[in-house]
């Protein structure tokens, strides 16, 4: 019986040693996993910061381009307003010249018809 008890105690010691080794290995794996997860998290944060910086630079460039385009459009709008005023002015002169020629012509025709006979 003592022999069996000694064997059982020996087996229990072996099991205890194996359990301790397993616990250590599990602790090492957890530590390793945490370290790797922290490294991955750090890398993701760095890459995110880089991408944000690049996007901000691109957005700033686009903002500058939009400002330049807006300035050019303002200039074109002013030119179009000037052209519109010139066209209106020229149209008024054209109407004035045409009326200046047609009215005397029609008056002459009407008077010729009236005094002809």
PDB file of N, CA and C in Angstrom:
ATOM      1  N   UNK A   1       0.807  -1.172   0.000  1.00  0.00           N
ATOM      2  CA  UNK A   1       0.000   0.000   0.000  1.00  0.00           C
ATOM      3  C   UNK A   1       0.867   1.259   0.000  1.00  0.00           C
ATOM      4  N   UNK A   2       1.945   1.186   0.814  1.00  0.00           N
ATOM      5  CA  UNK A   2       2.849   2.312   0.834  1.00  0.00           C
ATOM      6  C   UNK A   2       3.512   2.485  -0.517  1.00  0.00           C
ATOM      7  N   UNK A   3       3.760   1.404  -1.139  1.00  0.00           N
ATOM      8  CA  UNK A   3       4.376   1.430  -2.452  1.00  0.00           C
ATOM      9  C   UNK A   3       3.453   2.135  -3.445  1.00  0.00           C
ATOM     10  N   UNK A   4       2.206   1.801  -3.394  1.00  0.00           N
ATOM     11  CA  UNK A   4       1.216   2.436  -4.270  1.00  0.00           C
ATOM     12  C   UNK A   4       1.123   3.922  -3.944  1.00  0.00           C
ATOM     13  N   UNK A   5       1.137   4.239  -2.687  1.00  0.00           N
ATOM     14  CA  UNK A   5       1.059   5.646  -2.272  1.00  0.00           C
ATOM     15  C   UNK A   5       2.277   6.390  -2.785  1.00  0.00           C
ATOM     16  N   UNK A   6       3.468   5.767  -2.685  1.00  0.00           N
ATOM     17  CA  UNK A   6       4.678   6.406  -3.178  1.00  0.00           C
ATOM     18  C   UNK A   6       4.602   6.607  -4.689  1.00  0.00           C
ATOM     19  N   UNK A   7       4.094   5.604  -5.405  1.00  0.00           N
ATOM     20  CA  UNK A   7       3.948   5.731  -6.855  1.00  0.00           C
ATOM     21  C   UNK A   7       2.977   6.864  -7.190  1.00  0.00           C
ATOM     22  N   UNK A   8       1.887   6.894  -6.434  1.00  0.00           N
ATOM     23  CA  UNK A   8       0.905   7.957  -6.673  1.00  0.00           C
ATOM     24  C   UNK A   8       1.508   9.332  -6.373  1.00  0.00           C
ATOM     25  N   UNK A   9       2.299   9.409  -5.279  1.00  0.00           N
ATOM     26  CA  UNK A   9       2.934  10.671  -4.950  1.00  0.00           C
ATOM     27  C   UNK A   9       3.925  11.067  -6.032  1.00  0.00           C
ATOM     28  N   UNK A  10       4.678  10.105  -6.547  1.00  0.00           N
ATOM     29  CA  UNK A  10       5.626  10.365  -7.636  1.00  0.00           C
ATOM     30  C   UNK A  10       4.889  10.832  -8.885  1.00  0.00           C
ATOM     31  N   UNK A  11       3.799  10.164  -9.177  1.00  0.00           N
ATOM     32  CA  UNK A  11       2.999  10.563 -10.338  1.00  0.00           C
ATOM     33  C   UNK A  11       2.434  11.960 -10.135  1.00  0.00           C
ATOM     34  N   UNK A  12       1.989  12.244  -8.907  1.00  0.00           N
ATOM     35  CA  UNK A  12       1.435  13.564  -8.607  1.00  0.00           C
ATOM     36  C   UNK A  12       2.509  14.639  -8.744  1.00  0.00           C
ATOM     37  N   UNK A  13       3.730  14.333  -8.324  1.00  0.00           N
ATOM     38  CA  UNK A  13       4.823  15.284  -8.461  1.00  0.00           C
ATOM     39  C   UNK A  13       5.114  15.550  -9.938  1.00  0.00           C
ATOM     40  N   UNK A  14       5.113  14.489 -10.729  1.00  0.00           N
ATOM     41  CA  UNK A  14       5.333  14.651 -12.166  1.00  0.00           C
ATOM     42  C   UNK A  14       4.217  15.502 -12.787  1.00  0.00           C
ATOM     43  N   UNK A  15       2.998  15.197 -12.394  1.00  0.00           N
ATOM     44  CA  UNK A  15       1.864  15.974 -12.902  1.00  0.00           C
ATOM     45  C   UNK A  15       2.007  17.424 -12.466  1.00  0.00           C
ATOM     46  N   UNK A  16       2.426  17.640 -11.223  1.00  0.00           N
ATOM     47  CA  UNK A  16       2.603  18.991 -10.701  1.00  0.00           C
ATOM     48  C   UNK A  16       3.684  19.725 -11.493  1.00  0.00           C
ATOM     49  N   UNK A  17       4.805  19.043 -11.786  1.00  0.00           N
ATOM     50  CA  UNK A  17       5.883  19.646 -12.558  1.00  0.00           C
ATOM     51  C   UNK A  17       5.400  19.991 -13.962  1.00  0.00           C
ATOM     52  N   UNK A  18       4.691  19.056 -14.563  1.00  0.00           N
ATOM     53  CA  UNK A  18       4.163  19.309 -15.911  1.00  0.00           C
ATOM     54  C   UNK A  18       3.173  20.478 -15.892  1.00  0.00           C
ATOM     55  N   UNK A  19       2.328  20.529 -14.894  1.00  0.00           N
ATOM     56  CA  UNK A  19       1.361  21.624 -14.779  1.00  0.00           C
ATOM     57  C   UNK A  19       2.093  22.967 -14.612  1.00  0.00           C
ATOM     58  N   UNK A  20       3.163  22.958 -13.792  1.00  0.00           N
ATOM     59  CA  UNK A  20       3.942  24.190 -13.614  1.00  0.00           C
ATOM     60  C   UNK A  20       4.559  24.639 -14.935  1.00  0.00           C
ATOM     61  N   UNK A  21       5.108  23.664 -15.701  1.00  0.00           N
ATOM     62  CA  UNK A  21       5.684  23.979 -17.004  1.00  0.00           C
ATOM     63  C   UNK A  21       4.610  24.538 -17.946  1.00  0.00           C
ATOM     64  N   UNK A  22       3.441  23.908 -17.923  1.00  0.00           N
ATOM     65  CA  UNK A  22       2.348  24.383 -18.776  1.00  0.00           C
ATOM     66  C   UNK A  22       1.918  25.788 -18.379  1.00  0.00           C
ATOM     67  N   UNK A  23       1.851  26.022 -17.079  1.00  0.00           N
ATOM     68  CA  UNK A  23       1.479  27.359 -16.622  1.00  0.00           C
ATOM     69  C   UNK A  23       2.497  28.398 -17.070  1.00  0.00           C
ATOM     70  N   UNK A  24       3.787  28.032 -16.981  1.00  0.00           N
ATOM     71  CA  UNK A  24       4.837  28.943 -17.433  1.00  0.00           C
ATOM     72  C   UNK A  24       4.736  29.198 -18.934  1.00  0.00           C
ATOM     73  N   UNK A  25       4.520  28.127 -19.682  1.00  0.00           N
ATOM     74  CA  UNK A  25       4.399  28.272 -21.135  1.00  0.00           C
ATOM     75  C   UNK A  25       3.189  29.133 -21.495  1.00  0.00           C
ATOM     76  N   UNK A  26       2.086  28.923 -20.792  1.00  0.00           N
ATOM     77  CA  UNK A  26       0.883  29.726 -21.053  1.00  0.00           C
ATOM     78  C   UNK A  26       1.162  31.190 -20.723  1.00  0.00           C
ATOM     79  N   UNK A  27       1.858  31.434 -19.619  1.00  0.00           N
ATOM     80  CA  UNK A  27       2.199  32.806 -19.233  1.00  0.00           C
ATOM     81  C   UNK A  27       3.109  33.441 -20.290  1.00  0.00           C
ATOM     82  N   UNK A  28       4.095  32.652 -20.773  1.00  0.00           N
ATOM     83  CA  UNK A  28       4.990  33.158 -21.816  1.00  0.00           C
ATOM     84  C   UNK A  28       4.209  33.458 -23.095  1.00  0.00           C
ATOM     85  N   UNK A  29       3.294  32.569 -23.469  1.00  0.00           N
ATOM     86  CA  UNK A  29       2.488  32.792 -24.667  1.00  0.00           C
ATOM     87  C   UNK A  29       1.615  34.044 -24.526  1.00  0.00           C
ATOM     88  N   UNK A  30       1.014  34.203 -23.342  1.00  0.00           N
ATOM     89  CA  UNK A  30       0.201  35.396 -23.112  1.00  0.00           C
ATOM     90  C   UNK A  30       1.055  36.658 -23.214  1.00  0.00           C
ATOM     91  N   UNK A  31       2.227  36.608 -22.612  1.00  0.00           N
ATOM     92  CA  UNK A  31       3.124  37.760 -22.662  1.00  0.00           C
ATOM     93  C   UNK A  31       3.538  38.047 -24.104  1.00  0.00           C
ATOM     94  N   UNK A  32       3.898  36.990 -24.822  1.00  0.00           N
ATOM     95  CA  UNK A  32       4.304  37.133 -26.219  1.00  0.00           C
ATOM     96  C   UNK A  32       3.152  37.688 -27.048  1.00  0.00           C
ATOM     97  N   UNK A  33       1.956  37.150 -26.828  1.00  0.00           N
ATOM     98  CA  UNK A  33       0.776  37.608 -27.564  1.00  0.00           C
ATOM     99  C   UNK A  33       0.498  39.081 -27.273  1.00  0.00           C
ATOM    100  N   UNK A  34       0.612  39.457 -25.999  1.00  0.00           N
ATOM    101  CA  UNK A  34       0.373  40.852 -25.627  1.00  0.00           C
ATOM    102  C   UNK A  34       1.412  41.752 -26.284  1.00  0.00           C
ATOM    103  N   UNK A  35       2.676  41.315 -26.279  1.00  0.00           N
ATOM    104  CA  UNK A  35       3.743  42.098 -26.891  1.00  0.00           C
ATOM    105  C   UNK A  35       3.490  42.260 -28.384  1.00  0.00           C
ATOM    106  N   UNK A  36       3.139  41.169 -29.055  1.00  0.00           N
ATOM    107  CA  UNK A  36       2.862  41.231 -30.489  1.00  0.00           C
ATOM    108  C   UNK A  36       1.635  42.098 -30.771  1.00  0.00           C
ATOM    109  N   UNK A  37       0.600  41.965 -29.961  1.00  0.00           N
ATOM    110  CA  UNK A  37      -0.605  42.777 -30.146  1.00  0.00           C
ATOM    111  C   UNK A  37      -0.282  44.256 -29.948  1.00  0.00           C
ATOM    112  N   UNK A  38       0.535  44.560 -28.935  1.00  0.00           N
ATOM    113  CA  UNK A  38       0.942  45.948 -28.703  1.00  0.00           C
ATOM    114  C   UNK A  38       1.749  46.481 -29.883  1.00  0.00           C
ATOM    115  N   UNK A  39       2.623  45.655 -30.427  1.00  0.00           N
ATOM    116  CA  UNK A  39       3.434  46.064 -31.580  1.00  0.00           C
ATOM    117  C   UNK A  39       2.548  46.310 -32.802  1.00  0.00           C
ATOM    118  N   UNK A  40       1.608  45.409 -33.023  1.00  0.00           N
ATOM    119  CA  UNK A  40       0.684  45.583 -34.154  1.00  0.00           C
ATOM    120  C   UNK A  40      -0.146  46.845 -33.963  1.00  0.00           C
ATOM    121  N   UNK A  41      -0.637  47.068 -32.761  1.00  0.00           N
ATOM    122  CA  UNK A  41      -1.418  48.272 -32.460  1.00  0.00           C
ATOM    123  C   UNK A  41      -0.575  49.522 -32.715  1.00  0.00           C
ATOM    124  N   UNK A  42       0.697  49.495 -32.276  1.00  0.00           N
ATOM    125  CA  UNK A  42       1.587  50.633 -32.487  1.00  0.00           C
ATOM    126  C   UNK A  42       1.807  50.874 -33.979  1.00  0.00           C
ATOM    127  N   UNK A  43       2.026  49.782 -34.736  1.00  0.00           N
ATOM    128  CA  UNK A  43       2.232  49.909 -36.179  1.00  0.00           C
ATOM    129  C   UNK A  43       0.989  50.477 -36.866  1.00  0.00           C
ATOM    130  N   UNK A  44      -0.177  50.011 -36.447  1.00  0.00           N
ATOM    131  CA  UNK A  44      -1.422  50.511 -37.032  1.00  0.00           C
ATOM    132  C   UNK A  44      -1.576  51.999 -36.742  1.00  0.00           C
ATOM    133  N   UNK A  45      -1.274  52.400 -35.517  1.00  0.00           N
ATOM    134  CA  UNK A  45      -1.381  53.813 -35.161  1.00  0.00           C
ATOM    135  C   UNK A  45      -0.398  54.663 -35.962  1.00  0.00           C
ATOM    136  N   UNK A  46       0.824  54.152 -36.155  1.00  0.00           N
ATOM    137  CA  UNK A  46       1.818  54.885 -36.946  1.00  0.00           C
ATOM    138  C   UNK A  46       1.352  55.032 -38.389  1.00  0.00           C
ATOM    139  N   UNK A  47       0.881  53.923 -38.970  1.00  0.00           N
ATOM    140  CA  UNK A  47       0.419  53.964 -40.356  1.00  0.00           C
ATOM    141  C   UNK A  47      -0.794  54.883 -40.501  1.00  0.00           C
ATOM    142  N   UNK A  48      -1.681  54.829 -39.522  1.00  0.00           N
ATOM    143  CA  UNK A  48      -2.858  55.705 -39.554  1.00  0.00           C
ATOM    144  C   UNK A  48      -2.423  57.168 -39.513  1.00  0.00           C
ATOM    145  N   UNK A  49      -1.450  57.468 -38.671  1.00  0.00           N
ATOM    146  CA  UNK A  49      -0.948  58.840 -38.576  1.00  0.00           C
ATOM    147  C   UNK A  49      -0.315  59.271 -39.902  1.00  0.00           C
ATOM    148  N   UNK A  50       0.440  58.368 -40.531  1.00  0.00           N
ATOM    149  CA  UNK A  50       1.052  58.682 -41.827  1.00  0.00           C
ATOM    150  C   UNK A  50      -0.016  58.953 -42.881  1.00  0.00           C
ATOM    151  N   UNK A  51      -1.013  58.077 -42.928  1.00  0.00           N
ATOM    152  CA  UNK A  51      -2.080  58.238 -43.922  1.00  0.00           C
ATOM    153  C   UNK A  51      -2.833  59.537 -43.681  1.00  0.00           C
ATOM    154  N   UNK A  52      -3.101  59.845 -42.417  1.00  0.00           N
ATOM    155  CA  UNK A  52      -3.782  61.099 -42.102  1.00  0.00           C
ATOM    156  C   UNK A  52      -2.954  62.297 -42.553  1.00  0.00           C
ATOM    157  N   UNK A  53      -1.656  62.238 -42.313  1.00  0.00           N
ATOM    158  CA  UNK A  53      -0.780  63.343 -42.725  1.00  0.00           C
ATOM    159  C   UNK A  53      -0.792  63.488 -44.248  1.00  0.00           C
ATOM    160  N   UNK A  54      -0.711  62.356 -44.953  1.00  0.00           N
ATOM    161  CA  UNK A  54      -0.743  62.401 -46.410  1.00  0.00           C
ATOM    162  C   UNK A  54      -2.077  62.953 -46.910  1.00  0.00           C
ATOM    163  N   UNK A  55      -3.161  62.497 -46.309  1.00  0.00           N
ATOM    164  CA  UNK A  55      -4.481  62.981 -46.718  1.00  0.00           C
ATOM    165  C   UNK A  55      -4.613  64.477 -46.434  1.00  0.00           C
ATOM    166  N   UNK A  56      -4.104  64.907 -45.295  1.00  0.00           N
ATOM    167  CA  UNK A  56      -4.179  66.335 -44.970  1.00  0.00           C
ATOM    168  C   UNK A  56      -3.397  67.151 -45.988  1.00  0.00           C
ATOM    169  N   UNK A  57      -2.222  66.654 -46.382  1.00  0.00           N
ATOM    170  CA  UNK A  57      -1.421  67.357 -47.387  1.00  0.00           C
ATOM    171  C   UNK A  57      -2.181  67.424 -48.713  1.00  0.00           C
ATOM    172  N   UNK A  58      -2.796  66.313 -49.110  1.00  0.00           N
ATOM    173  CA  UNK A  58      -3.562  66.292 -50.362  1.00  0.00           C
ATOM    174  C   UNK A  58      -4.770  67.219 -50.279  1.00  0.00           C
ATOM    175  N   UNK A  59      -5.435  67.226 -49.139  1.00  0.00           N
ATOM    176  CA  UNK A  59      -6.596  68.110 -48.953  1.00  0.00           C
ATOM    177  C   UNK A  59      -6.155  69.571 -49.028  1.00  0.00           C
ATOM    178  N   UNK A  60      -5.001  69.881 -48.421  1.00  0.00           N
ATOM    179  CA  UNK A  60      -4.486  71.241 -48.485  1.00  0.00           C
ATOM    180  C   UNK A  60      -4.172  71.637 -49.926  1.00  0.00           C
ATOM    181  N   UNK A  61      -3.560  70.700 -50.689  1.00  0.00           N
ATOM    182  CA  UNK A  61      -3.273  70.974 -52.096  1.00  0.00           C
ATOM    183  C   UNK A  61      -4.565  71.222 -52.868  1.00  0.00           C
ATOM    184  N   UNK A  62      -5.560  70.375 -52.626  1.00  0.00           N
ATOM    185  CA  UNK A  62      -6.840  70.556 -53.308  1.00  0.00           C
ATOM    186  C   UNK A  62      -7.482  71.882 -52.922  1.00  0.00           C
ATOM    187  N   UNK A  63      -7.369  72.250 -51.647  1.00  0.00           N
ATOM    188  CA  UNK A  63      -7.903  73.536 -51.201  1.00  0.00           C
ATOM    189  C   UNK A  63      -7.224  74.693 -51.925  1.00  0.00           C
ATOM    190  N   UNK A  64      -5.896  74.608 -52.078  1.00  0.00           N
ATOM    191  CA  UNK A  64      -5.166  75.649 -52.801  1.00  0.00           C
ATOM    192  C   UNK A  64      -5.618  75.716 -54.259  1.00  0.00           C
ATOM    193  N   UNK A  65      -5.761  74.537 -54.868  1.00  0.00           N
ATOM    194  CA  UNK A  65      -6.207  74.505 -56.272  1.00  0.00           C
ATOM    195  C   UNK A  65      -7.608  75.091 -56.405  1.00  0.00           C
ATOM    196  N   UNK A  66      -8.477  74.755 -55.459  1.00  0.00           N
ATOM    197  CA  UNK A  66      -9.835  75.301 -55.510  1.00  0.00           C
ATOM    198  C   UNK A  66      -9.824  76.817 -55.339  1.00  0.00           C
ATOM    199  N   UNK A  67      -8.964  77.316 -54.469  1.00  0.00           N
ATOM    200  CA  UNK A  67      -8.857  78.764 -54.288  1.00  0.00           C
ATOM    201  C   UNK A  67      -8.375  79.441 -55.569  1.00  0.00           C
ATOM    202  N   UNK A  68      -7.384  78.820 -56.235  1.00  0.00           N
ATOM    203  CA  UNK A  68      -6.900  79.383 -57.500  1.00  0.00           C
ATOM    204  C   UNK A  68      -7.996  79.357 -58.562  1.00  0.00           C
ATOM    205  N   UNK A  69      -8.731  78.236 -58.623  1.00  0.00           N
ATOM    206  CA  UNK A  69      -9.826  78.142 -59.588  1.00  0.00           C
ATOM    207  C   UNK A  69     -10.908  79.179 -59.299  1.00  0.00           C
ATOM    208  N   UNK A  70     -11.189  79.373 -58.029  1.00  0.00           N
ATOM    209  CA  UNK A  70     -12.192  80.366 -57.652  1.00  0.00           C
ATOM    210  C   UNK A  70     -11.743  81.762 -58.078  1.00  0.00           C
ATOM    211  N   UNK A  71     -10.469  82.058 -57.901  1.00  0.00           N
ATOM    212  CA  UNK A  71      -9.937  83.352 -58.323  1.00  0.00           C
ATOM    213  C   UNK A  71     -10.051  83.516 -59.835  1.00  0.00           C
ATOM    214  N   UNK A  72      -9.712  82.454 -60.559  1.00  0.00           N
ATOM    215  CA  UNK A  72      -9.817  82.505 -62.022  1.00  0.00           C
ATOM    216  C   UNK A  72     -11.269  82.682 -62.454  1.00  0.00           C
ATOM    217  N   UNK A  73     -12.185  81.975 -61.779  1.00  0.00           N
ATOM    218  CA  UNK A  73     -13.604  82.114 -62.117  1.00  0.00           C
ATOM    219  C   UNK A  73     -14.098  83.528 -61.821  1.00  0.00           C
ATOM    220  N   UNK A  74     -13.630  84.113 -60.739  1.00  0.00           N
ATOM    221  CA  UNK A  74     -14.010  85.495 -60.434  1.00  0.00           C
ATOM    222  C   UNK A  74     -13.526  86.430 -61.537  1.00  0.00           C
ATOM    223  N   UNK A  75     -12.293  86.200 -61.989  1.00  0.00           N
ATOM    224  CA  UNK A  75     -11.752  87.017 -63.083  1.00  0.00           C
ATOM    225  C   UNK A  75     -12.554  86.838 -64.362  1.00  0.00           C
ATOM    226  N   UNK A  76     -12.912  85.599 -64.668  1.00  0.00           N
ATOM    227  CA  UNK A  76     -13.714  85.337 -65.866  1.00  0.00           C
ATOM    228  C   UNK A  76     -15.097  85.958 -65.746  1.00  0.00           C
ATOM    229  N   UNK A  77     -15.651  85.914 -64.570  1.00  0.00           N
ATOM    230  CA  UNK A  77     -16.965  86.520 -64.340  1.00  0.00           C
ATOM    231  C   UNK A  77     -16.910  88.027 -64.584  1.00  0.00           C
ATOM    232  N   UNK A  78     -15.854  88.653 -64.106  1.00  0.00           N
ATOM    233  CA  UNK A  78     -15.688  90.091 -64.344  1.00  0.00           C
ATOM    234  C   UNK A  78     -15.539  90.375 -65.833  1.00  0.00           C
ATOM    235  N   UNK A  79     -14.761  89.555 -66.549  1.00  0.00           N
ATOM    236  CA  UNK A  79     -14.600  89.737 -67.986  1.00  0.00           C
ATOM    237  C   UNK A  79     -15.930  89.568 -68.708  1.00  0.00           C
ATOM    238  N   UNK A  80     -16.712  88.546 -68.293  1.00  0.00           N
ATOM    239  CA  UNK A  80     -18.010  88.335 -68.921  1.00  0.00           C
ATOM    240  C   UNK A  80     -18.950  89.501 -68.656  1.00  0.00           C
ATOM    241  N   UNK A  81     -18.915  90.037 -67.457  1.00  0.00           N
ATOM    242  CA  UNK A  81     -19.737  91.216 -67.158  1.00  0.00           C
ATOM    243  C   UNK A  81     -19.332  92.392 -68.039  1.00  0.00           C
ATOM    244  N   UNK A  82     -18.028  92.571 -68.224  1.00  0.00           N
ATOM    245  CA  UNK A  82     -17.543  93.642 -69.101  1.00  0.00           C
ATOM    246  C   UNK A  82     -17.990  93.423 -70.535  1.00  0.00           C
ATOM    247  N   UNK A  83     -17.899  92.181 -71.014  1.00  0.00           N
ATOM    248  CA  UNK A  83     -18.344  91.872 -72.377  1.00  0.00           C
ATOM    249  C   UNK A  83     -19.846  92.089 -72.527  1.00  0.00           C
ATOM    250  N   UNK A  84     -20.599  91.700 -71.530  1.00  0.00           N
ATOM    251  CA  UNK A  84     -22.048  91.887 -71.581  1.00  0.00           C
ATOM    252  C   UNK A  84     -22.388  93.376 -71.674  1.00  0.00           C
ATOM    253  N   UNK A  85     -21.720  94.192 -70.882  1.00  0.00           N
ATOM    254  CA  UNK A  85     -21.969  95.629 -70.934  1.00  0.00           C
ATOM    255  C   UNK A  85     -21.579  96.195 -72.299  1.00  0.00           C
ATOM    256  N   UNK A  86     -20.480  95.716 -72.879  1.00  0.00           N
ATOM    257  CA  UNK A  86     -20.049  96.164 -74.205  1.00  0.00           C
ATOM    258  C   UNK A  86     -21.060  95.761 -75.269  1.00  0.00           C
ATOM    259  N   UNK A  87     -21.565  94.517 -75.166  1.00  0.00           N
ATOM    260  CA  UNK A  87     -22.566  94.048 -76.138  1.00  0.00           C
ATOM    261  C   UNK A  87     -23.836  94.875 -76.037  1.00  0.00           C
ATOM    262  N   UNK A  88     -24.293  95.147 -74.830  1.00  0.00           N
ATOM    263  CA  UNK A  88     -25.498  95.967 -74.642  1.00  0.00           C
ATOM    264  C   UNK A  88     -25.280  97.359 -75.206  1.00  0.00           C
ATOM    265  N   UNK A  89     -24.130  97.926 -74.947  1.00  0.00           N
ATOM    266  CA  UNK A  89     -23.817  99.261 -75.457  1.00  0.00           C
ATOM    267  C   UNK A  89     -23.791  99.259 -76.980  1.00  0.00           C
ATOM    268  N   UNK A  90     -23.122  98.260 -77.567  1.00  0.00           N
ATOM    269  CA  UNK A  90     -23.059  98.180 -79.032  1.00  0.00           C
ATOM    270  C   UNK A  90     -24.437  97.938 -79.634  1.00  0.00           C
ATOM    271  N   UNK A  91     -25.266  97.126 -78.955  1.00  0.00           N
ATOM    272  CA  UNK A  91     -26.618  96.870 -79.454  1.00  0.00           C
ATOM    273  C   UNK A  91     -27.440  98.159 -79.443  1.00  0.00           C
ATOM    274  N   UNK A  92     -27.304  98.937 -78.393  1.00  0.00           N
ATOM    275  CA  UNK A  92     -28.024 100.213 -78.331  1.00  0.00           C
ATOM    276  C   UNK A  92     -27.593 101.138 -79.468  1.00  0.00           C
ATOM    277  N   UNK A  93     -26.285 101.185 -79.741  1.00  0.00           N
ATOM    278  CA  UNK A  93     -25.793 102.004 -80.851  1.00  0.00           C
ATOM    279  C   UNK A  93     -26.338 101.493 -82.182  1.00  0.00           C
ATOM    280  N   UNK A  94     -26.366 100.169 -82.339  1.00  0.00           N
ATOM    281  CA  UNK A  94     -26.874  99.585 -83.577  1.00  0.00           C
ATOM    282  C   UNK A  94     -28.338  99.939 -83.780  1.00  0.00           C
ATOM    283  N   UNK A  95     -29.141  99.793 -82.745  1.00  0.00           N
ATOM    284  CA  UNK A  95     -30.560 100.140 -82.823  1.00  0.00           C
ATOM    285  C   UNK A  95     -30.705 101.631 -83.136  1.00  0.00           C
ATOM    286  N   UNK A  96     -29.886 102.455 -82.501  1.00  0.00           N
ATOM    287  CA  UNK A  96     -29.920 103.898 -82.754  1.00  0.00           C
ATOM    288  C   UNK A  96     -29.597 104.221 -84.206  1.00  0.00           C
ATOM    289  N   UNK A  97     -28.572 103.580 -84.751  1.00  0.00           N
ATOM    290  CA  UNK A  97     -28.180 103.825 -86.140  1.00  0.00           C
ATOM    291  C   UNK A  97     -29.268 103.339 -87.088  1.00  0.00           C
ATOM    292  N   UNK A  98     -29.793 102.147 -86.836  1.00  0.00           N
ATOM    293  CA  UNK A  98     -30.839 101.599 -87.708  1.00  0.00           C
ATOM    294  C   UNK A  98     -32.076 102.496 -87.678  1.00  0.00           C
ATOM    295  N   UNK A  99     -32.491 102.868 -86.464  1.00  0.00           N
ATOM    296  CA  UNK A  99     -33.655 103.754 -86.375  1.00  0.00           C
ATOM    297  C   UNK A  99     -33.357 105.117 -86.988  1.00  0.00           C
ATOM    298  N   UNK A 100     -32.133 105.573 -86.807  1.00  0.00           N
ATOM    299  CA  UNK A 100     -31.734 106.859 -87.398  1.00  0.00           C
ATOM    300  C   UNK A 100     -31.788 106.826 -88.913  1.00  0.00           C
ATOM    301  N   UNK A 101     -31.596 105.660 -89.504  1.00  0.00           N
ATOM    302  CA  UNK A 101     -31.661 105.542 -90.965  1.00  0.00           C
ATOM    303  C   UNK A 101     -33.072 105.195 -91.430  1.00  0.00           C
ATOM    304  N   UNK A 102     -33.783 104.341 -90.688  1.00  0.00           N
ATOM    305  CA  UNK A 102     -35.092 103.886 -91.139  1.00  0.00           C
ATOM    306  C   UNK A 102     -36.181 104.947 -90.996  1.00  0.00           C
ATOM    307  N   UNK A 103     -36.160 105.683 -89.913  1.00  0.00           N
ATOM    308  CA  UNK A 103     -37.212 106.682 -89.703  1.00  0.00           C
ATOM    309  C   UNK A 103     -37.202 107.742 -90.801  1.00  0.00           C
ATOM    310  N   UNK A 104     -36.051 108.327 -91.103  1.00  0.00           N
ATOM    311  CA  UNK A 104     -36.077 109.308 -92.216  1.00  0.00           C
ATOM    312  C   UNK A 104     -36.473 108.667 -93.547  1.00  0.00           C
ATOM    313  N   UNK A 105     -36.039 107.404 -93.758  1.00  0.00           N
ATOM    314  CA  UNK A 105     -36.384 106.730 -95.010  1.00  0.00           C
ATOM    315  C   UNK A 105     -37.898 106.546 -95.104  1.00  0.00           C
ATOM    316  N   UNK A 106     -38.532 106.073 -94.033  1.00  0.00           N
ATOM    317  CA  UNK A 106     -39.977 105.856 -94.059  1.00  0.00           C
ATOM    318  C   UNK A 106     -40.734 107.182 -94.143  1.00  0.00           C
ATOM    319  N   UNK A 107     -40.230 108.162 -93.473  1.00  0.00           N
ATOM    320  CA  UNK A 107     -40.865 109.486 -93.565  1.00  0.00           C
ATOM    321  C   UNK A 107     -40.801 109.989 -95.001  1.00  0.00           C
ATOM    322  N   UNK A 108     -39.649 109.810 -95.636  1.00  0.00           N
ATOM    323  CA  UNK A 108     -39.490 110.227 -97.028  1.00  0.00           C
ATOM    324  C   UNK A 108     -40.445 109.453 -97.926  1.00  0.00           C
ATOM    325  N   UNK A 109     -40.554 108.147 -97.738  1.00  0.00           N
ATOM    326  CA  UNK A 109     -41.448 107.322 -98.550  1.00  0.00           C
ATOM    327  C   UNK A 109     -42.898 107.755 -98.345  1.00  0.00           C
ATOM    328  N   UNK A 110     -43.303 107.951 -97.109  1.00  0.00           N
ATOM    329  CA  UNK A 110     -44.687 108.341 -96.815  1.00  0.00           C
ATOM    330  C   UNK A 110     -44.989 109.719 -97.411  1.00  0.00           C
ATOM    331  N   UNK A 111     -44.067 110.654 -97.267  1.00  0.00           N
ATOM    332  CA  UNK A 111     -44.277 111.988 -97.835  1.00  0.00           C
ATOM    333  C   UNK A 111     -44.321 111.946 -99.354  1.00  0.00           C
ATOM    334  N   UNK A 112     -43.491 111.112 -99.937  1.00  0.00           N
ATOM    335  CA  UNK A 112     -43.489 111.008-101.413  1.00  0.00           C
ATOM    336  C   UNK A 112     -44.825 110.467-101.890  1.00  0.00           C
ATOM    337  N   UNK A 113     -45.379 109.472-101.152  1.00  0.00           N
ATOM    338  CA  UNK A 113     -46.665 108.907-101.538  1.00  0.00           C
ATOM    339  C   UNK A 113     -47.762 109.947-101.356  1.00  0.00           C
ATOM    340  N   UNK A 114     -47.737 110.685-100.286  1.00  0.00           N
ATOM    341  CA  UNK A 114     -48.778 111.663 -99.997  1.00  0.00           C
ATOM    342  C   UNK A 114     -48.744 112.851-100.975  1.00  0.00           C
ATOM    343  N   UNK A 115     -47.583 113.317-101.303  1.00  0.00           N
ATOM    344  CA  UNK A 115     -47.487 114.508-102.157  1.00  0.00           C
ATOM    345  C   UNK A 115     -47.341 114.155-103.625  1.00  0.00           C
ATOM    346  N   UNK A 116     -47.438 112.972-103.986  1.00  0.00           N
ATOM    347  CA  UNK A 116     -47.302 112.516-105.356  1.00  0.00           C
ATOM    348  C   UNK A 116     -48.565 112.841-106.144  1.00  0.00           C
ATOM    349  N   UNK A 117     -49.513 112.795-105.588  1.00  0.00           N
ATOM    350  CA  UNK A 117     -50.672 112.831-106.360  1.00  0.00           C
ATOM    351  C   UNK A 117     -51.551 113.938-106.457  1.00  0.00           C
TER     352      UNK A 117
END
